[in-house]
Amino acid sequence: MTVYKRRNIRCAALAILIGGMFVSGWSISLALGDKKPARLVTCSADKNIAKKTTLKQSFYPALTAREENLEAALQAETEANFPEIPLDEVMTYFSELHNVPVVIQAQDLGAIGLTPEEPINTSLKNITFENALEQILDPLNLTYVVDRDLILITSQANADATFKTRVYPVGDLCQTDDDYQALIAAIQKANLGIWERSGKTSRAMNSAQNKKETASSDKDNGFFNIQGSVIVEVASPLPGGASGGKHNPGSTHPNYTGTISAVPHSKSLVISQTYHTHKGIVELLTQLRKSRADQRGN
């Protein structure tokens, strides 16, 4: 065999080898092409679940930046020793210590026979600013509220008669009429204040037929009745009862009422209540959501 023929044979063999490698590599690529990284796969169902369970805001209107700072300061730890120190000096001390505005409503104090010079005799340690205020103010039938970017010191009577309306998104907790009914009942029965239904409301709630008729007629409007009545009147306590506290069940007044309404089209509860009751509602809803999340984790 000539040298020329041997070269041609080697070239042909080399070409066949290279071609085979190309074909094999192409086959491997095709085989691996079906196996894409799992992280690139997006599940639309997971997205839908996230939309149903994630809340951007626990209530509306949202707190302002200053209100958030005040609420954070109330949760900060504090300490103090007041041996017969006037109330106004005590509040000045806390204001400077926590760098927040604390204002005494002298007119509200005067309405119940007190002055900003009321002596305070107490010693506090390892306690939040919020709880310190309660320890100091409760014996005097006073309380605090966050309003107009201030921490206001006022009478319990004035605080119990001052209402704000908030919208609470509860679509993650309520899907059916019964869910709204159960949540409203939980809010009413929690130890957040005095909640009393009026006679008219009670009669409506005891009527199953009224419930069916109202639900069918008003549901299309996105505003339906829970147990025959969306509006639930509540009587807030007045100070001066046996316990002297803002949750005294023996002291109520019909003029101090709040409302709670279900609005399914916006998946919300509309609640008009006092500052402290709203704080309790926020805490209750937070605990309900935490309980549900913990059970899902199991």
C-alpha atoms as a PDB file:
ATOM      1  CA  MET A   1       0.000   0.000   0.000  1.00  0.00           C
ATOM      2  CA  THR A   2       1.429   3.306  -1.024  1.00  0.00           C
ATOM      3  CA  VAL A   3       2.094   6.139   1.369  1.00  0.00           C
ATOM      4  CA  TYR A   4      -0.577   8.194  -0.392  1.00  0.00           C
ATOM      5  CA  LYS A   5      -3.282   5.545   0.234  1.00  0.00           C
ATOM      6  CA  ARG A   6      -2.288   5.153   3.907  1.00  0.00           C
ATOM      7  CA  ARG A   7      -2.655   8.905   4.397  1.00  0.00           C
ATOM      8  CA  ASN A   8      -6.117   8.860   2.829  1.00  0.00           C
ATOM      9  CA  ILE A   9      -7.196   6.007   5.115  1.00  0.00           C
ATOM     10  CA  ARG A  10      -5.953   7.861   8.226  1.00  0.00           C
ATOM     11  CA  CYS A  11      -7.741  11.042   7.167  1.00  0.00           C
ATOM     12  CA  ALA A  12     -10.990   9.154   6.601  1.00  0.00           C
ATOM     13  CA  ALA A  13     -10.716   7.435   9.980  1.00  0.00           C
ATOM     14  CA  LEU A  14     -10.029  10.747  11.688  1.00  0.00           C
ATOM     15  CA  ALA A  15     -13.050  12.321  10.003  1.00  0.00           C
ATOM     16  CA  ILE A  16     -15.252   9.437  11.114  1.00  0.00           C
ATOM     17  CA  LEU A  17     -13.956   9.769  14.708  1.00  0.00           C
ATOM     18  CA  ILE A  18     -14.610  13.518  14.842  1.00  0.00           C
ATOM     19  CA  GLY A  19     -18.053  13.065  13.331  1.00  0.00           C
ATOM     20  CA  GLY A  20     -18.914  10.421  15.887  1.00  0.00           C
ATOM     21  CA  MET A  21     -17.823  12.659  18.736  1.00  0.00           C
ATOM     22  CA  PHE A  22     -19.987  15.499  17.382  1.00  0.00           C
ATOM     23  CA  VAL A  23     -23.025  13.240  17.052  1.00  0.00           C
ATOM     24  CA  SER A  24     -22.491  11.843  20.566  1.00  0.00           C
ATOM     25  CA  GLY A  25     -22.126  15.307  22.032  1.00  0.00           C
ATOM     26  CA  TRP A  26     -25.269  16.464  20.248  1.00  0.00           C
ATOM     27  CA  SER A  27     -27.177  13.447  21.588  1.00  0.00           C
ATOM     28  CA  ILE A  28     -25.972  14.158  25.128  1.00  0.00           C
ATOM     29  CA  SER A  29     -27.069  17.768  24.796  1.00  0.00           C
ATOM     30  CA  LEU A  30     -30.514  16.631  23.687  1.00  0.00           C
ATOM     31  CA  ALA A  31     -30.727  14.229  26.612  1.00  0.00           C
ATOM     32  CA  LEU A  32     -29.730  16.911  29.129  1.00  0.00           C
ATOM     33  CA  GLY A  33     -31.888  19.557  27.514  1.00  0.00           C
ATOM     34  CA  ASP A  34     -35.011  18.182  29.197  1.00  0.00           C
ATOM     35  CA  LYS A  35     -33.465  18.549  32.664  1.00  0.00           C
ATOM     36  CA  LYS A  36     -33.677  22.236  33.569  1.00  0.00           C
ATOM     37  CA  PRO A  37     -32.712  23.566  37.018  1.00  0.00           C
ATOM     38  CA  ALA A  38     -35.612  23.434  39.436  1.00  0.00           C
ATOM     39  CA  ARG A  39     -35.078  27.044  40.509  1.00  0.00           C
ATOM     40  CA  LEU A  40     -36.112  28.238  37.060  1.00  0.00           C
ATOM     41  CA  VAL A  41     -39.519  26.595  37.341  1.00  0.00           C
ATOM     42  CA  THR A  42     -42.235  28.974  38.584  1.00  0.00           C
ATOM     43  CA  CYS A  43     -45.410  27.652  40.137  1.00  0.00           C
ATOM     44  CA  SER A  44     -48.382  29.926  39.548  1.00  0.00           C
ATOM     45  CA  ALA A  45     -50.312  28.191  42.330  1.00  0.00           C
ATOM     46  CA  ASP A  46     -47.649  29.224  44.853  1.00  0.00           C
ATOM     47  CA  LYS A  47     -48.001  32.809  43.669  1.00  0.00           C
ATOM     48  CA  ASN A  48     -51.747  32.689  44.212  1.00  0.00           C
ATOM     49  CA  ILE A  49     -51.298  31.328  47.725  1.00  0.00           C
ATOM     50  CA  ALA A  50     -48.854  34.110  48.563  1.00  0.00           C
ATOM     51  CA  LYS A  51     -51.309  36.731  47.382  1.00  0.00           C
ATOM     52  CA  LYS A  52     -54.027  35.288  49.593  1.00  0.00           C
ATOM     53  CA  THR A  53     -51.971  35.052  52.781  1.00  0.00           C
ATOM     54  CA  THR A  54     -49.601  38.028  52.654  1.00  0.00           C
ATOM     55  CA  LEU A  55     -50.763  41.344  54.066  1.00  0.00           C
ATOM     56  CA  LYS A  56     -48.985  44.599  53.310  1.00  0.00           C
ATOM     57  CA  GLN A  57     -50.681  46.430  56.163  1.00  0.00           C
ATOM     58  CA  SER A  58     -52.532  45.257  59.274  1.00  0.00           C
ATOM     59  CA  PHE A  59     -54.964  48.181  59.129  1.00  0.00           C
ATOM     60  CA  TYR A  60     -55.787  51.378  57.248  1.00  0.00           C
ATOM     61  CA  PRO A  61     -55.081  54.245  57.351  1.00  0.00           C
ATOM     62  CA  ALA A  62     -51.519  53.225  58.119  1.00  0.00           C
ATOM     63  CA  LEU A  63     -49.615  54.866  60.953  1.00  0.00           C
ATOM     64  CA  THR A  64     -47.509  57.848  59.989  1.00  0.00           C
ATOM     65  CA  ALA A  65     -43.742  57.675  60.454  1.00  0.00           C
ATOM     66  CA  ARG A  66     -44.042  59.784  63.606  1.00  0.00           C
ATOM     67  CA  GLU A  67     -46.814  57.594  64.988  1.00  0.00           C
ATOM     68  CA  GLU A  68     -44.675  54.516  64.381  1.00  0.00           C
ATOM     69  CA  ASN A  69     -41.817  56.159  66.293  1.00  0.00           C
ATOM     70  CA  LEU A  70     -44.133  56.939  69.198  1.00  0.00           C
ATOM     71  CA  GLU A  71     -45.478  53.380  69.310  1.00  0.00           C
ATOM     72  CA  ALA A  72     -41.920  52.038  69.228  1.00  0.00           C
ATOM     73  CA  ALA A  73     -40.933  54.331  72.104  1.00  0.00           C
ATOM     74  CA  LEU A  74     -43.847  53.025  74.161  1.00  0.00           C
ATOM     75  CA  GLN A  75     -42.399  49.508  73.838  1.00  0.00           C
ATOM     76  CA  ALA A  76     -38.913  50.603  74.923  1.00  0.00           C
ATOM     77  CA  GLU A  77     -37.666  49.649  78.382  1.00  0.00           C
ATOM     78  CA  THR A  78     -37.614  52.363  81.017  1.00  0.00           C
ATOM     79  CA  GLU A  79     -36.999  52.942  84.696  1.00  0.00           C
ATOM     80  CA  ALA A  80     -37.622  55.727  87.178  1.00  0.00           C
ATOM     81  CA  ASN A  81     -37.925  56.598  90.854  1.00  0.00           C
ATOM     82  CA  PHE A  82     -40.504  59.235  91.731  1.00  0.00           C
ATOM     83  CA  PRO A  83     -40.751  60.185  95.439  1.00  0.00           C
ATOM     84  CA  GLU A  84     -43.754  62.527  95.462  1.00  0.00           C
ATOM     85  CA  ILE A  85     -42.825  64.144  92.139  1.00  0.00           C
ATOM     86  CA  PRO A  86     -45.470  66.277  90.341  1.00  0.00           C
ATOM     87  CA  LEU A  87     -47.107  64.611  87.354  1.00  0.00           C
ATOM     88  CA  ASP A  88     -45.943  67.260  84.897  1.00  0.00           C
ATOM     89  CA  GLU A  89     -42.320  66.771  85.982  1.00  0.00           C
ATOM     90  CA  VAL A  90     -42.708  63.006  85.640  1.00  0.00           C
ATOM     91  CA  MET A  91     -43.920  63.395  82.062  1.00  0.00           C
ATOM     92  CA  THR A  92     -41.103  65.832  81.270  1.00  0.00           C
ATOM     93  CA  TYR A  93     -38.635  63.221  82.527  1.00  0.00           C
ATOM     94  CA  PHE A  94     -40.086  60.516  80.270  1.00  0.00           C
ATOM     95  CA  SER A  95     -40.288  62.891  77.314  1.00  0.00           C
ATOM     96  CA  GLU A  96     -36.588  63.729  77.568  1.00  0.00           C
ATOM     97  CA  LEU A  97     -35.553  60.146  78.338  1.00  0.00           C
ATOM     98  CA  HIS A  98     -37.326  58.649  75.307  1.00  0.00           C
ATOM     99  CA  ASN A  99     -37.069  61.715  73.067  1.00  0.00           C
ATOM    100  CA  VAL A 100     -40.798  61.847  72.344  1.00  0.00           C
ATOM    101  CA  PRO A 101     -43.402  64.584  72.895  1.00  0.00           C
ATOM    102  CA  VAL A 102     -45.574  63.901  75.955  1.00  0.00           C
ATOM    103  CA  VAL A 103     -48.314  66.477  76.538  1.00  0.00           C
ATOM    104  CA  ILE A 104     -50.702  66.680  79.498  1.00  0.00           C
ATOM    105  CA  GLN A 105     -54.250  67.704  78.588  1.00  0.00           C
ATOM    106  CA  ALA A 106     -54.798  69.993  81.583  1.00  0.00           C
ATOM    107  CA  GLN A 107     -58.412  70.715  80.639  1.00  0.00           C
ATOM    108  CA  ASP A 108     -59.286  67.002  80.651  1.00  0.00           C
ATOM    109  CA  LEU A 109     -57.645  66.602  84.055  1.00  0.00           C
ATOM    110  CA  GLY A 110     -59.520  69.618  85.390  1.00  0.00           C
ATOM    111  CA  ALA A 111     -62.824  68.067  84.325  1.00  0.00           C
ATOM    112  CA  ILE A 112     -62.282  65.281  86.872  1.00  0.00           C
ATOM    113  CA  GLY A 113     -60.806  67.496  89.592  1.00  0.00           C
ATOM    114  CA  LEU A 114     -57.097  66.889  88.954  1.00  0.00           C
ATOM    115  CA  THR A 115     -54.163  69.144  88.083  1.00  0.00           C
ATOM    116  CA  PRO A 116     -50.809  68.545  86.350  1.00  0.00           C
ATOM    117  CA  GLU A 117     -49.197  68.930  89.789  1.00  0.00           C
ATOM    118  CA  GLU A 118     -50.679  65.691  91.148  1.00  0.00           C
ATOM    119  CA  PRO A 119     -47.930  63.970  93.208  1.00  0.00           C
ATOM    120  CA  ILE A 120     -46.566  60.683  91.869  1.00  0.00           C
ATOM    121  CA  ASN A 121     -44.933  58.277  94.285  1.00  0.00           C
ATOM    122  CA  THR A 122     -43.599  55.144  92.584  1.00  0.00           C
ATOM    123  CA  SER A 123     -40.444  53.280  91.626  1.00  0.00           C
ATOM    124  CA  LEU A 124     -40.205  51.462  88.290  1.00  0.00           C
ATOM    125  CA  LYS A 125     -37.572  49.171  86.797  1.00  0.00           C
ATOM    126  CA  ASN A 126     -37.370  46.633  83.947  1.00  0.00           C
ATOM    127  CA  ILE A 127     -40.692  47.767  82.520  1.00  0.00           C
ATOM    128  CA  THR A 128     -41.792  49.193  79.192  1.00  0.00           C
ATOM    129  CA  PHE A 129     -42.599  52.876  78.865  1.00  0.00           C
ATOM    130  CA  GLU A 130     -46.178  51.897  78.023  1.00  0.00           C
ATOM    131  CA  ASN A 131     -46.629  49.827  81.172  1.00  0.00           C
ATOM    132  CA  ALA A 132     -44.946  52.515  83.255  1.00  0.00           C
ATOM    133  CA  LEU A 133     -47.513  55.044  82.066  1.00  0.00           C
ATOM    134  CA  GLU A 134     -50.326  52.658  82.944  1.00  0.00           C
ATOM    135  CA  GLN A 135     -48.912  52.080  86.433  1.00  0.00           C
ATOM    136  CA  ILE A 136     -48.677  55.817  87.039  1.00  0.00           C
ATOM    137  CA  LEU A 137     -51.907  56.972  85.402  1.00  0.00           C
ATOM    138  CA  ASP A 138     -54.458  54.233  86.198  1.00  0.00           C
ATOM    139  CA  PRO A 139     -54.790  55.079  89.936  1.00  0.00           C
ATOM    140  CA  LEU A 140     -55.698  58.649  88.928  1.00  0.00           C
ATOM    141  CA  ASN A 141     -58.280  57.552  86.339  1.00  0.00           C
ATOM    142  CA  LEU A 142     -55.957  58.891  83.658  1.00  0.00           C
ATOM    143  CA  THR A 143     -54.524  57.240  80.567  1.00  0.00           C
ATOM    144  CA  TYR A 144     -52.482  58.009  77.472  1.00  0.00           C
ATOM    145  CA  VAL A 145     -53.315  57.995  73.772  1.00  0.00           C
ATOM    146  CA  VAL A 146     -51.250  58.549  70.646  1.00  0.00           C
ATOM    147  CA  ASP A 147     -52.915  61.309  68.664  1.00  0.00           C
ATOM    148  CA  ARG A 148     -51.803  64.157  66.384  1.00  0.00           C
ATOM    149  CA  ASP A 149     -48.194  62.909  66.522  1.00  0.00           C
ATOM    150  CA  LEU A 150     -48.157  63.290  70.311  1.00  0.00           C
ATOM    151  CA  ILE A 151     -48.457  61.104  73.389  1.00  0.00           C
ATOM    152  CA  LEU A 152     -51.361  62.781  75.156  1.00  0.00           C
ATOM    153  CA  ILE A 153     -52.099  62.352  78.856  1.00  0.00           C
ATOM    154  CA  THR A 154     -55.849  62.573  79.305  1.00  0.00           C
ATOM    155  CA  SER A 155     -58.707  61.299  81.443  1.00  0.00           C
ATOM    156  CA  GLN A 156     -60.013  57.798  80.929  1.00  0.00           C
ATOM    157  CA  ALA A 157     -63.466  59.306  80.374  1.00  0.00           C
ATOM    158  CA  ASN A 158     -62.178  61.390  77.469  1.00  0.00           C
ATOM    159  CA  ALA A 159     -60.223  58.475  75.978  1.00  0.00           C
ATOM    160  CA  ASP A 160     -63.289  56.229  76.236  1.00  0.00           C
ATOM    161  CA  ALA A 161     -65.376  58.800  74.364  1.00  0.00           C
ATOM    162  CA  THR A 162     -62.876  59.351  71.533  1.00  0.00           C
ATOM    163  CA  PHE A 163     -63.215  57.011  68.552  1.00  0.00           C
ATOM    164  CA  LYS A 164     -61.234  56.365  65.398  1.00  0.00           C
ATOM    165  CA  THR A 165     -62.307  54.312  62.407  1.00  0.00           C
ATOM    166  CA  ARG A 166     -59.951  51.753  60.922  1.00  0.00           C
ATOM    167  CA  VAL A 167     -60.252  49.259  58.092  1.00  0.00           C
ATOM    168  CA  TYR A 168     -58.798  45.844  58.953  1.00  0.00           C
ATOM    169  CA  PRO A 169     -58.016  43.556  55.974  1.00  0.00           C
ATOM    170  CA  VAL A 170     -58.996  40.023  57.012  1.00  0.00           C
ATOM    171  CA  GLY A 171     -59.159  38.186  53.695  1.00  0.00           C
ATOM    172  CA  ASP A 172     -56.517  35.771  54.963  1.00  0.00           C
ATOM    173  CA  LEU A 173     -58.735  34.870  57.936  1.00  0.00           C
ATOM    174  CA  CYS A 174     -62.223  35.008  56.402  1.00  0.00           C
ATOM    175  CA  GLN A 175     -63.484  33.246  53.285  1.00  0.00           C
ATOM    176  CA  THR A 176     -67.164  32.648  54.084  1.00  0.00           C
ATOM    177  CA  ASP A 177     -69.995  34.410  55.905  1.00  0.00           C
ATOM    178  CA  ASP A 178     -69.454  32.085  58.862  1.00  0.00           C
ATOM    179  CA  ASP A 179     -65.780  33.074  58.988  1.00  0.00           C
ATOM    180  CA  TYR A 180     -66.705  36.747  59.340  1.00  0.00           C
ATOM    181  CA  GLN A 181     -69.273  35.852  61.985  1.00  0.00           C
ATOM    182  CA  ALA A 182     -66.717  33.857  63.980  1.00  0.00           C
ATOM    183  CA  LEU A 183     -64.067  36.576  63.771  1.00  0.00           C
ATOM    184  CA  ILE A 184     -66.472  39.307  64.887  1.00  0.00           C
ATOM    185  CA  ALA A 185     -67.549  37.093  67.796  1.00  0.00           C
ATOM    186  CA  ALA A 186     -63.906  36.533  68.771  1.00  0.00           C
ATOM    187  CA  ILE A 187     -63.222  40.274  68.787  1.00  0.00           C
ATOM    188  CA  GLN A 188     -66.338  40.963  70.859  1.00  0.00           C
ATOM    189  CA  LYS A 189     -65.634  38.236  73.398  1.00  0.00           C
ATOM    190  CA  ALA A 190     -61.948  39.037  73.885  1.00  0.00           C
ATOM    191  CA  ASN A 191     -61.101  41.064  76.984  1.00  0.00           C
ATOM    192  CA  LEU A 192     -60.594  44.282  75.028  1.00  0.00           C
ATOM    193  CA  GLY A 193     -63.342  46.381  76.585  1.00  0.00           C
ATOM    194  CA  ILE A 194     -67.096  46.301  77.100  1.00  0.00           C
ATOM    195  CA  TRP A 195     -69.057  45.117  74.060  1.00  0.00           C
ATOM    196  CA  GLU A 196     -72.842  45.169  74.495  1.00  0.00           C
ATOM    197  CA  ARG A 197     -75.360  44.665  71.708  1.00  0.00           C
ATOM    198  CA  SER A 198     -78.407  46.894  71.677  1.00  0.00           C
ATOM    199  CA  GLY A 199     -81.874  45.317  72.035  1.00  0.00           C
ATOM    200  CA  LYS A 200     -82.586  45.916  68.353  1.00  0.00           C
ATOM    201  CA  THR A 201     -79.367  44.212  67.346  1.00  0.00           C
ATOM    202  CA  SER A 202     -79.964  41.275  69.680  1.00  0.00           C
ATOM    203  CA  ARG A 203     -83.429  40.649  68.265  1.00  0.00           C
ATOM    204  CA  ALA A 204     -82.089  40.754  64.725  1.00  0.00           C
ATOM    205  CA  MET A 205     -79.267  38.381  65.566  1.00  0.00           C
ATOM    206  CA  ASN A 206     -81.689  35.881  67.048  1.00  0.00           C
ATOM    207  CA  SER A 207     -83.737  35.738  63.853  1.00  0.00           C
ATOM    208  CA  ALA A 208     -82.476  33.101  61.423  1.00  0.00           C
ATOM    209  CA  GLN A 209     -84.964  34.197  58.802  1.00  0.00           C
ATOM    210  CA  ASN A 210     -83.737  37.778  59.015  1.00  0.00           C
ATOM    211  CA  LYS A 211     -80.218  36.544  58.448  1.00  0.00           C
ATOM    212  CA  LYS A 212     -81.134  34.662  55.274  1.00  0.00           C
ATOM    213  CA  GLU A 213     -83.137  37.513  53.782  1.00  0.00           C
ATOM    214  CA  THR A 214     -80.506  40.141  54.537  1.00  0.00           C
ATOM    215  CA  ALA A 215     -77.655  38.040  53.210  1.00  0.00           C
ATOM    216  CA  SER A 216     -79.426  37.389  49.914  1.00  0.00           C
ATOM    217  CA  SER A 217     -80.483  41.010  49.344  1.00  0.00           C
ATOM    218  CA  ASP A 218     -77.326  42.844  50.427  1.00  0.00           C
ATOM    219  CA  LYS A 219     -74.561  40.475  49.435  1.00  0.00           C
ATOM    220  CA  ASP A 220     -74.378  41.853  45.897  1.00  0.00           C
ATOM    221  CA  ASN A 221     -73.605  45.251  47.383  1.00  0.00           C
ATOM    222  CA  GLY A 222     -70.528  43.841  49.098  1.00  0.00           C
ATOM    223  CA  PHE A 223     -71.857  44.736  52.547  1.00  0.00           C
ATOM    224  CA  PHE A 224     -73.761  41.941  54.253  1.00  0.00           C
ATOM    225  CA  ASN A 225     -75.060  41.319  57.746  1.00  0.00           C
ATOM    226  CA  ILE A 226     -73.481  38.929  60.200  1.00  0.00           C
ATOM    227  CA  GLN A 227     -76.246  37.124  62.136  1.00  0.00           C
ATOM    228  CA  GLY A 228     -78.725  39.705  60.898  1.00  0.00           C
ATOM    229  CA  SER A 229     -76.778  42.819  61.881  1.00  0.00           C
ATOM    230  CA  VAL A 230     -73.488  44.179  60.637  1.00  0.00           C
ATOM    231  CA  ILE A 231     -73.511  47.183  62.943  1.00  0.00           C
ATOM    232  CA  VAL A 232     -72.829  46.062  66.493  1.00  0.00           C
ATOM    233  CA  GLU A 233     -73.239  48.689  69.181  1.00  0.00           C
ATOM    234  CA  VAL A 234     -70.821  48.511  72.083  1.00  0.00           C
ATOM    235  CA  ALA A 235     -70.802  50.344  75.361  1.00  0.00           C
ATOM    236  CA  SER A 236     -67.405  51.572  76.492  1.00  0.00           C
ATOM    237  CA  PRO A 237     -66.696  51.814  80.219  1.00  0.00           C
ATOM    238  CA  LEU A 238     -66.518  55.008  82.185  1.00  0.00           C
ATOM    239  CA  PRO A 239     -63.976  55.528  84.955  1.00  0.00           C
ATOM    240  CA  GLY A 240     -64.924  55.708  88.596  1.00  0.00           C
ATOM    241  CA  GLY A 241     -66.285  52.189  89.056  1.00  0.00           C
ATOM    242  CA  ALA A 242     -65.121  49.581  91.525  1.00  0.00           C
ATOM    243  CA  SER A 243     -61.872  48.810  89.712  1.00  0.00           C
ATOM    244  CA  GLY A 244     -61.158  52.373  88.593  1.00  0.00           C
ATOM    245  CA  GLY A 245     -59.932  50.991  85.271  1.00  0.00           C
ATOM    246  CA  LYS A 246     -60.955  51.532  81.685  1.00  0.00           C
ATOM    247  CA  HIS A 247     -62.277  47.952  81.467  1.00  0.00           C
ATOM    248  CA  ASN A 248     -64.645  48.167  84.437  1.00  0.00           C
ATOM    249  CA  PRO A 249     -67.675  46.006  83.501  1.00  0.00           C
ATOM    250  CA  GLY A 250     -69.847  47.717  86.102  1.00  0.00           C
ATOM    251  CA  SER A 251     -69.604  51.133  84.490  1.00  0.00           C
ATOM    252  CA  THR A 252     -71.097  51.727  81.038  1.00  0.00           C
ATOM    253  CA  HIS A 253     -72.807  54.534  79.193  1.00  0.00           C
ATOM    254  CA  PRO A 254     -75.103  54.230  76.150  1.00  0.00           C
ATOM    255  CA  ASN A 255     -73.620  57.332  74.506  1.00  0.00           C
ATOM    256  CA  TYR A 256     -70.195  55.703  74.243  1.00  0.00           C
ATOM    257  CA  THR A 257     -70.641  53.212  71.426  1.00  0.00           C
ATOM    258  CA  GLY A 258     -68.496  51.700  68.712  1.00  0.00           C
ATOM    259  CA  THR A 259     -69.312  49.784  65.544  1.00  0.00           C
ATOM    260  CA  ILE A 260     -67.946  46.765  63.719  1.00  0.00           C
ATOM    261  CA  SER A 261     -68.947  46.005  60.124  1.00  0.00           C
ATOM    262  CA  ALA A 262     -68.060  43.287  57.615  1.00  0.00           C
ATOM    263  CA  VAL A 263     -67.377  44.350  54.012  1.00  0.00           C
ATOM    264  CA  PRO A 264     -66.666  41.115  52.079  1.00  0.00           C
ATOM    265  CA  HIS A 265     -66.014  42.779  48.703  1.00  0.00           C
ATOM    266  CA  SER A 266     -62.926  44.419  50.203  1.00  0.00           C
ATOM    267  CA  LYS A 267     -62.329  41.439  52.528  1.00  0.00           C
ATOM    268  CA  SER A 268     -62.277  43.793  55.482  1.00  0.00           C
ATOM    269  CA  LEU A 269     -63.758  44.724  58.825  1.00  0.00           C
ATOM    270  CA  VAL A 270     -64.557  48.384  59.443  1.00  0.00           C
ATOM    271  CA  ILE A 271     -64.232  49.156  63.147  1.00  0.00           C
ATOM    272  CA  SER A 272     -64.830  52.406  64.992  1.00  0.00           C
ATOM    273  CA  GLN A 273     -63.373  52.198  68.484  1.00  0.00           C
ATOM    274  CA  THR A 274     -61.105  53.813  71.055  1.00  0.00           C
ATOM    275  CA  TYR A 275     -57.315  53.956  70.858  1.00  0.00           C
ATOM    276  CA  HIS A 276     -56.718  51.229  73.437  1.00  0.00           C
ATOM    277  CA  THR A 277     -59.368  48.920  71.997  1.00  0.00           C
ATOM    278  CA  HIS A 278     -57.803  49.249  68.545  1.00  0.00           C
ATOM    279  CA  LYS A 279     -54.448  48.251  70.045  1.00  0.00           C
ATOM    280  CA  GLY A 280     -56.069  45.163  71.522  1.00  0.00           C
ATOM    281  CA  ILE A 281     -57.686  44.266  68.195  1.00  0.00           C
ATOM    282  CA  VAL A 282     -54.343  44.527  66.390  1.00  0.00           C
ATOM    283  CA  GLU A 283     -52.750  42.226  68.960  1.00  0.00           C
ATOM    284  CA  LEU A 284     -55.606  39.710  68.742  1.00  0.00           C
ATOM    285  CA  LEU A 285     -55.451  39.521  64.937  1.00  0.00           C
ATOM    286  CA  THR A 286     -51.667  39.164  65.114  1.00  0.00           C
ATOM    287  CA  GLN A 287     -51.971  36.209  67.494  1.00  0.00           C
ATOM    288  CA  LEU A 288     -54.646  34.558  65.340  1.00  0.00           C
ATOM    289  CA  ARG A 289     -52.382  34.784  62.296  1.00  0.00           C
ATOM    290  CA  LYS A 290     -49.415  33.464  64.250  1.00  0.00           C
ATOM    291  CA  SER A 291     -51.465  30.533  65.535  1.00  0.00           C
ATOM    292  CA  ARG A 292     -52.558  29.650  62.005  1.00  0.00           C
ATOM    293  CA  ALA A 293     -48.998  29.915  60.661  1.00  0.00           C
ATOM    294  CA  ASP A 294     -47.624  27.680  63.433  1.00  0.00           C
ATOM    295  CA  GLN A 295     -50.238  25.012  62.720  1.00  0.00           C
ATOM    296  CA  ARG A 296     -49.469  25.088  59.006  1.00  0.00           C
ATOM    297  CA  GLY A 297     -45.804  24.585  59.848  1.00  0.00           C
ATOM    298  CA  ASN A 298     -46.639  21.334  61.607  1.00  0.00           C
END
